[in-house]
Amino acid sequence: MEGALPLGAISGIDFPVLNFQLAAGDSLILMSDGIAEAQKPDGELFGFDRISELLSRTTSAATLADAAQSFGQEDDITVLTIARTHRTAVA
């Protein structure tokens, strides 16, 4: 996905549009910058590599938020998981 400014930060900005479809069993995780920018006292950032590592093992929004908080998060945190469940036939 292409990066962009936060929504609503500056009026009149055009944002890239991306269309995709989640298949049954797929999930999409949306998060605020408070996750990647969580910082230890020495300045080390939580970062996208650590996020990728965690997501390769789990898709829990709570686990990701907890890991960033334990690391040293001081900014806002929002983690939202959207999951497409398996469709069952209706009789």
N, C-alpha and C. Protein backbone atom coordinates (compact mmCIF):
# COMPACT_ATOMS: atom_id res chain seq x y z
N MET A 1 0.83 -1.18 0.00
CA MET A 1 0.00 0.00 0.00
C MET A 1 0.88 1.25 0.00
N GLU A 2 0.41 2.23 -0.69
CA GLU A 2 1.11 3.50 -0.77
C GLU A 2 0.89 4.30 0.51
N GLY A 3 1.93 4.93 1.01
CA GLY A 3 1.81 5.76 2.20
C GLY A 3 1.14 7.09 1.88
N ALA A 4 0.57 7.73 2.90
CA ALA A 4 -0.10 9.01 2.71
C ALA A 4 -0.18 9.73 4.05
N LEU A 5 -0.55 11.00 3.99
CA LEU A 5 -0.78 11.77 5.21
C LEU A 5 -1.98 11.20 5.96
N PRO A 6 -2.05 11.45 7.26
CA PRO A 6 -3.22 10.99 8.02
C PRO A 6 -4.50 11.65 7.49
N LEU A 7 -5.58 10.91 7.52
CA LEU A 7 -6.87 11.45 7.07
C LEU A 7 -7.24 12.67 7.90
N GLY A 8 -7.66 13.73 7.24
CA GLY A 8 -8.14 14.92 7.92
C GLY A 8 -7.06 15.86 8.40
N ALA A 9 -5.78 15.53 8.20
CA ALA A 9 -4.70 16.39 8.69
C ALA A 9 -4.63 17.71 7.93
N ILE A 10 -4.86 17.66 6.63
CA ILE A 10 -4.82 18.85 5.78
C ILE A 10 -6.01 18.76 4.83
N SER A 11 -6.81 19.81 4.79
CA SER A 11 -7.98 19.77 3.91
C SER A 11 -7.56 19.85 2.45
N GLY A 12 -8.38 19.24 1.60
CA GLY A 12 -8.16 19.31 0.16
C GLY A 12 -7.11 18.38 -0.39
N ILE A 13 -6.61 17.46 0.41
CA ILE A 13 -5.57 16.52 -0.05
C ILE A 13 -6.25 15.31 -0.71
N ASP A 14 -5.71 14.87 -1.84
CA ASP A 14 -6.19 13.65 -2.48
C ASP A 14 -5.42 12.47 -1.91
N PHE A 15 -6.14 11.41 -1.62
CA PHE A 15 -5.54 10.21 -1.07
C PHE A 15 -5.59 9.08 -2.08
N PRO A 16 -4.59 8.22 -2.07
CA PRO A 16 -4.62 7.07 -2.98
C PRO A 16 -5.76 6.14 -2.60
N VAL A 17 -6.33 5.51 -3.59
CA VAL A 17 -7.43 4.56 -3.37
C VAL A 17 -6.93 3.17 -3.74
N LEU A 18 -7.20 2.22 -2.89
CA LEU A 18 -6.79 0.85 -3.12
C LEU A 18 -8.00 -0.04 -2.94
N ASN A 19 -8.27 -0.84 -3.94
CA ASN A 19 -9.39 -1.79 -3.86
C ASN A 19 -8.83 -3.20 -3.76
N PHE A 20 -9.40 -3.97 -2.86
CA PHE A 20 -9.03 -5.37 -2.74
C PHE A 20 -10.19 -6.10 -2.09
N GLN A 21 -10.16 -7.41 -2.15
CA GLN A 21 -11.22 -8.21 -1.57
C GLN A 21 -10.61 -9.22 -0.62
N LEU A 22 -11.20 -9.33 0.55
CA LEU A 22 -10.76 -10.34 1.50
C LEU A 22 -11.47 -11.65 1.20
N ALA A 23 -10.71 -12.71 1.07
CA ALA A 23 -11.30 -14.03 0.89
C ALA A 23 -11.70 -14.58 2.25
N ALA A 24 -12.55 -15.57 2.26
CA ALA A 24 -12.95 -16.20 3.52
C ALA A 24 -11.71 -16.64 4.28
N GLY A 25 -11.64 -16.24 5.55
CA GLY A 25 -10.49 -16.57 6.39
C GLY A 25 -9.40 -15.52 6.41
N ASP A 26 -9.45 -14.53 5.50
CA ASP A 26 -8.46 -13.46 5.46
C ASP A 26 -8.78 -12.41 6.53
N SER A 27 -7.76 -11.64 6.91
CA SER A 27 -7.98 -10.53 7.83
C SER A 27 -7.10 -9.36 7.41
N LEU A 28 -7.52 -8.18 7.82
CA LEU A 28 -6.83 -6.93 7.54
C LEU A 28 -6.62 -6.23 8.87
N ILE A 29 -5.40 -5.81 9.16
CA ILE A 29 -5.13 -5.12 10.41
C ILE A 29 -4.75 -3.67 10.09
N LEU A 30 -5.47 -2.75 10.71
CA LEU A 30 -5.21 -1.32 10.57
C LEU A 30 -4.68 -0.83 11.91
N MET A 31 -3.64 0.01 11.88
CA MET A 31 -3.07 0.49 13.14
C MET A 31 -2.61 1.92 13.02
N SER A 32 -2.63 2.62 14.13
CA SER A 32 -2.12 3.99 14.17
C SER A 32 -0.59 3.96 14.31
N ASP A 33 0.02 5.11 14.12
CA ASP A 33 1.48 5.20 14.18
C ASP A 33 2.03 4.97 15.59
N GLY A 34 1.16 4.98 16.59
CA GLY A 34 1.60 4.73 17.96
C GLY A 34 2.21 3.36 18.15
N ILE A 35 1.88 2.42 17.28
CA ILE A 35 2.47 1.08 17.37
C ILE A 35 3.91 1.11 16.87
N ALA A 36 4.10 1.51 15.63
CA ALA A 36 5.46 1.51 15.04
C ALA A 36 6.40 2.48 15.74
N GLU A 37 5.85 3.56 16.28
CA GLU A 37 6.68 4.60 16.90
C GLU A 37 6.84 4.44 18.41
N ALA A 38 6.35 3.32 18.97
CA ALA A 38 6.63 3.04 20.38
C ALA A 38 8.14 3.03 20.55
N GLN A 39 8.62 3.59 21.65
CA GLN A 39 10.06 3.84 21.78
C GLN A 39 10.56 3.51 23.17
N LYS A 40 11.69 2.81 23.20
CA LYS A 40 12.38 2.55 24.46
C LYS A 40 13.07 3.85 24.91
N PRO A 41 13.45 3.95 26.18
CA PRO A 41 14.13 5.16 26.66
C PRO A 41 15.42 5.48 25.89
N ASP A 42 16.08 4.46 25.31
CA ASP A 42 17.32 4.70 24.56
C ASP A 42 17.06 5.17 23.12
N GLY A 43 15.76 5.29 22.74
CA GLY A 43 15.41 5.78 21.41
C GLY A 43 15.08 4.71 20.39
N GLU A 44 15.29 3.43 20.73
CA GLU A 44 14.97 2.35 19.79
C GLU A 44 13.47 2.32 19.54
N LEU A 45 13.09 2.28 18.26
CA LEU A 45 11.68 2.22 17.88
C LEU A 45 11.19 0.78 17.80
N PHE A 46 9.91 0.58 18.09
CA PHE A 46 9.28 -0.72 17.93
C PHE A 46 9.40 -1.15 16.48
N GLY A 47 9.02 -0.29 15.55
CA GLY A 47 9.29 -0.46 14.13
C GLY A 47 8.46 -1.48 13.40
N PHE A 48 8.51 -1.38 12.08
CA PHE A 48 7.72 -2.25 11.21
C PHE A 48 8.26 -3.67 11.14
N ASP A 49 9.56 -3.86 11.30
CA ASP A 49 10.10 -5.23 11.28
C ASP A 49 9.55 -6.03 12.46
N ARG A 50 9.48 -5.42 13.63
CA ARG A 50 8.95 -6.09 14.80
C ARG A 50 7.44 -6.37 14.62
N ILE A 51 6.73 -5.41 14.03
CA ILE A 51 5.31 -5.62 13.74
C ILE A 51 5.14 -6.82 12.81
N SER A 52 5.92 -6.86 11.74
CA SER A 52 5.83 -7.97 10.78
C SER A 52 6.11 -9.31 11.45
N GLU A 53 7.12 -9.32 12.32
CA GLU A 53 7.46 -10.56 13.03
C GLU A 53 6.30 -11.03 13.89
N LEU A 54 5.69 -10.10 14.64
CA LEU A 54 4.56 -10.47 15.48
C LEU A 54 3.37 -10.95 14.65
N LEU A 55 3.10 -10.26 13.56
CA LEU A 55 1.96 -10.63 12.73
C LEU A 55 2.16 -11.95 12.01
N SER A 56 3.41 -12.36 11.80
CA SER A 56 3.65 -13.65 11.17
C SER A 56 3.32 -14.79 12.13
N ARG A 57 3.27 -14.49 13.44
CA ARG A 57 2.95 -15.51 14.44
C ARG A 57 1.52 -15.42 14.95
N THR A 58 0.93 -14.24 14.89
CA THR A 58 -0.42 -14.04 15.43
C THR A 58 -1.08 -12.88 14.72
N THR A 59 -2.39 -12.84 14.73
CA THR A 59 -3.11 -11.72 14.12
C THR A 59 -3.95 -11.00 15.16
N SER A 60 -3.65 -11.18 16.43
CA SER A 60 -4.44 -10.56 17.48
C SER A 60 -4.09 -9.09 17.64
N ALA A 61 -5.09 -8.23 17.54
CA ALA A 61 -4.90 -6.79 17.75
C ALA A 61 -4.45 -6.53 19.18
N ALA A 62 -5.01 -7.25 20.13
CA ALA A 62 -4.66 -7.06 21.54
C ALA A 62 -3.19 -7.42 21.80
N THR A 63 -2.72 -8.51 21.19
CA THR A 63 -1.33 -8.92 21.36
C THR A 63 -0.38 -7.87 20.82
N LEU A 64 -0.70 -7.32 19.66
CA LEU A 64 0.14 -6.28 19.05
C LEU A 64 0.15 -5.02 19.91
N ALA A 65 -1.02 -4.58 20.37
CA ALA A 65 -1.10 -3.39 21.23
C ALA A 65 -0.35 -3.61 22.53
N ASP A 66 -0.50 -4.78 23.14
CA ASP A 66 0.20 -5.09 24.39
C ASP A 66 1.72 -5.08 24.20
N ALA A 67 2.19 -5.62 23.08
CA ALA A 67 3.63 -5.66 22.82
C ALA A 67 4.19 -4.25 22.68
N ALA A 68 3.48 -3.37 21.98
CA ALA A 68 3.94 -1.98 21.83
C ALA A 68 3.93 -1.25 23.17
N GLN A 69 2.91 -1.48 23.98
CA GLN A 69 2.85 -0.84 25.30
C GLN A 69 3.99 -1.32 26.18
N SER A 70 4.28 -2.60 26.17
CA SER A 70 5.37 -3.15 26.97
C SER A 70 6.72 -2.63 26.49
N PHE A 71 6.83 -2.36 25.20
CA PHE A 71 8.08 -1.88 24.61
C PHE A 71 8.39 -0.45 25.06
N GLY A 72 7.35 0.36 25.23
CA GLY A 72 7.56 1.74 25.65
C GLY A 72 6.66 2.72 24.95
N GLN A 73 5.48 2.32 24.57
CA GLN A 73 4.53 3.17 23.85
C GLN A 73 4.05 4.29 24.74
N GLU A 74 4.04 5.52 24.20
CA GLU A 74 3.51 6.68 24.91
C GLU A 74 2.49 7.43 24.09
N ASP A 75 2.39 7.15 22.81
CA ASP A 75 1.45 7.81 21.90
C ASP A 75 0.14 7.03 21.91
N ASP A 76 -0.84 7.55 21.18
CA ASP A 76 -2.10 6.82 21.05
C ASP A 76 -1.88 5.48 20.36
N ILE A 77 -2.73 4.54 20.67
CA ILE A 77 -2.68 3.24 20.01
C ILE A 77 -4.08 2.90 19.52
N THR A 78 -4.16 2.57 18.25
CA THR A 78 -5.38 2.01 17.69
C THR A 78 -4.96 0.82 16.84
N VAL A 79 -5.54 -0.32 17.11
CA VAL A 79 -5.33 -1.51 16.29
C VAL A 79 -6.70 -2.10 16.02
N LEU A 80 -7.02 -2.23 14.75
CA LEU A 80 -8.33 -2.73 14.35
C LEU A 80 -8.13 -3.91 13.41
N THR A 81 -8.76 -5.02 13.74
CA THR A 81 -8.70 -6.19 12.88
C THR A 81 -10.06 -6.38 12.22
N ILE A 82 -10.03 -6.48 10.90
CA ILE A 82 -11.23 -6.78 10.13
C ILE A 82 -11.01 -8.17 9.54
N ALA A 83 -11.91 -9.08 9.87
CA ALA A 83 -11.74 -10.46 9.41
C ALA A 83 -12.98 -10.90 8.64
N ARG A 84 -12.73 -11.60 7.56
CA ARG A 84 -13.84 -12.19 6.81
C ARG A 84 -13.95 -13.63 7.25
N THR A 85 -15.08 -13.93 7.83
CA THR A 85 -15.30 -15.28 8.32
C THR A 85 -15.78 -16.16 7.18
N HIS A 86 -15.71 -17.43 7.42
CA HIS A 86 -16.17 -18.39 6.42
C HIS A 86 -17.68 -18.32 6.30
N ARG A 87 -18.17 -18.25 5.11
CA ARG A 87 -19.60 -18.19 4.88
C ARG A 87 -20.18 -19.59 5.00
N THR A 88 -21.28 -19.70 5.71
CA THR A 88 -21.95 -20.98 5.82
C THR A 88 -23.25 -20.92 5.01
N ALA A 89 -23.61 -22.03 4.47
CA ALA A 89 -24.83 -22.10 3.66
C ALA A 89 -26.05 -22.02 4.56
N VAL A 90 -27.04 -21.29 4.12
CA VAL A 90 -28.28 -21.16 4.85
C VAL A 90 -29.29 -22.13 4.23
N ALA A 91 -29.90 -22.96 5.07
CA ALA A 91 -30.84 -23.97 4.57
C ALA A 91 -32.23 -23.39 4.43
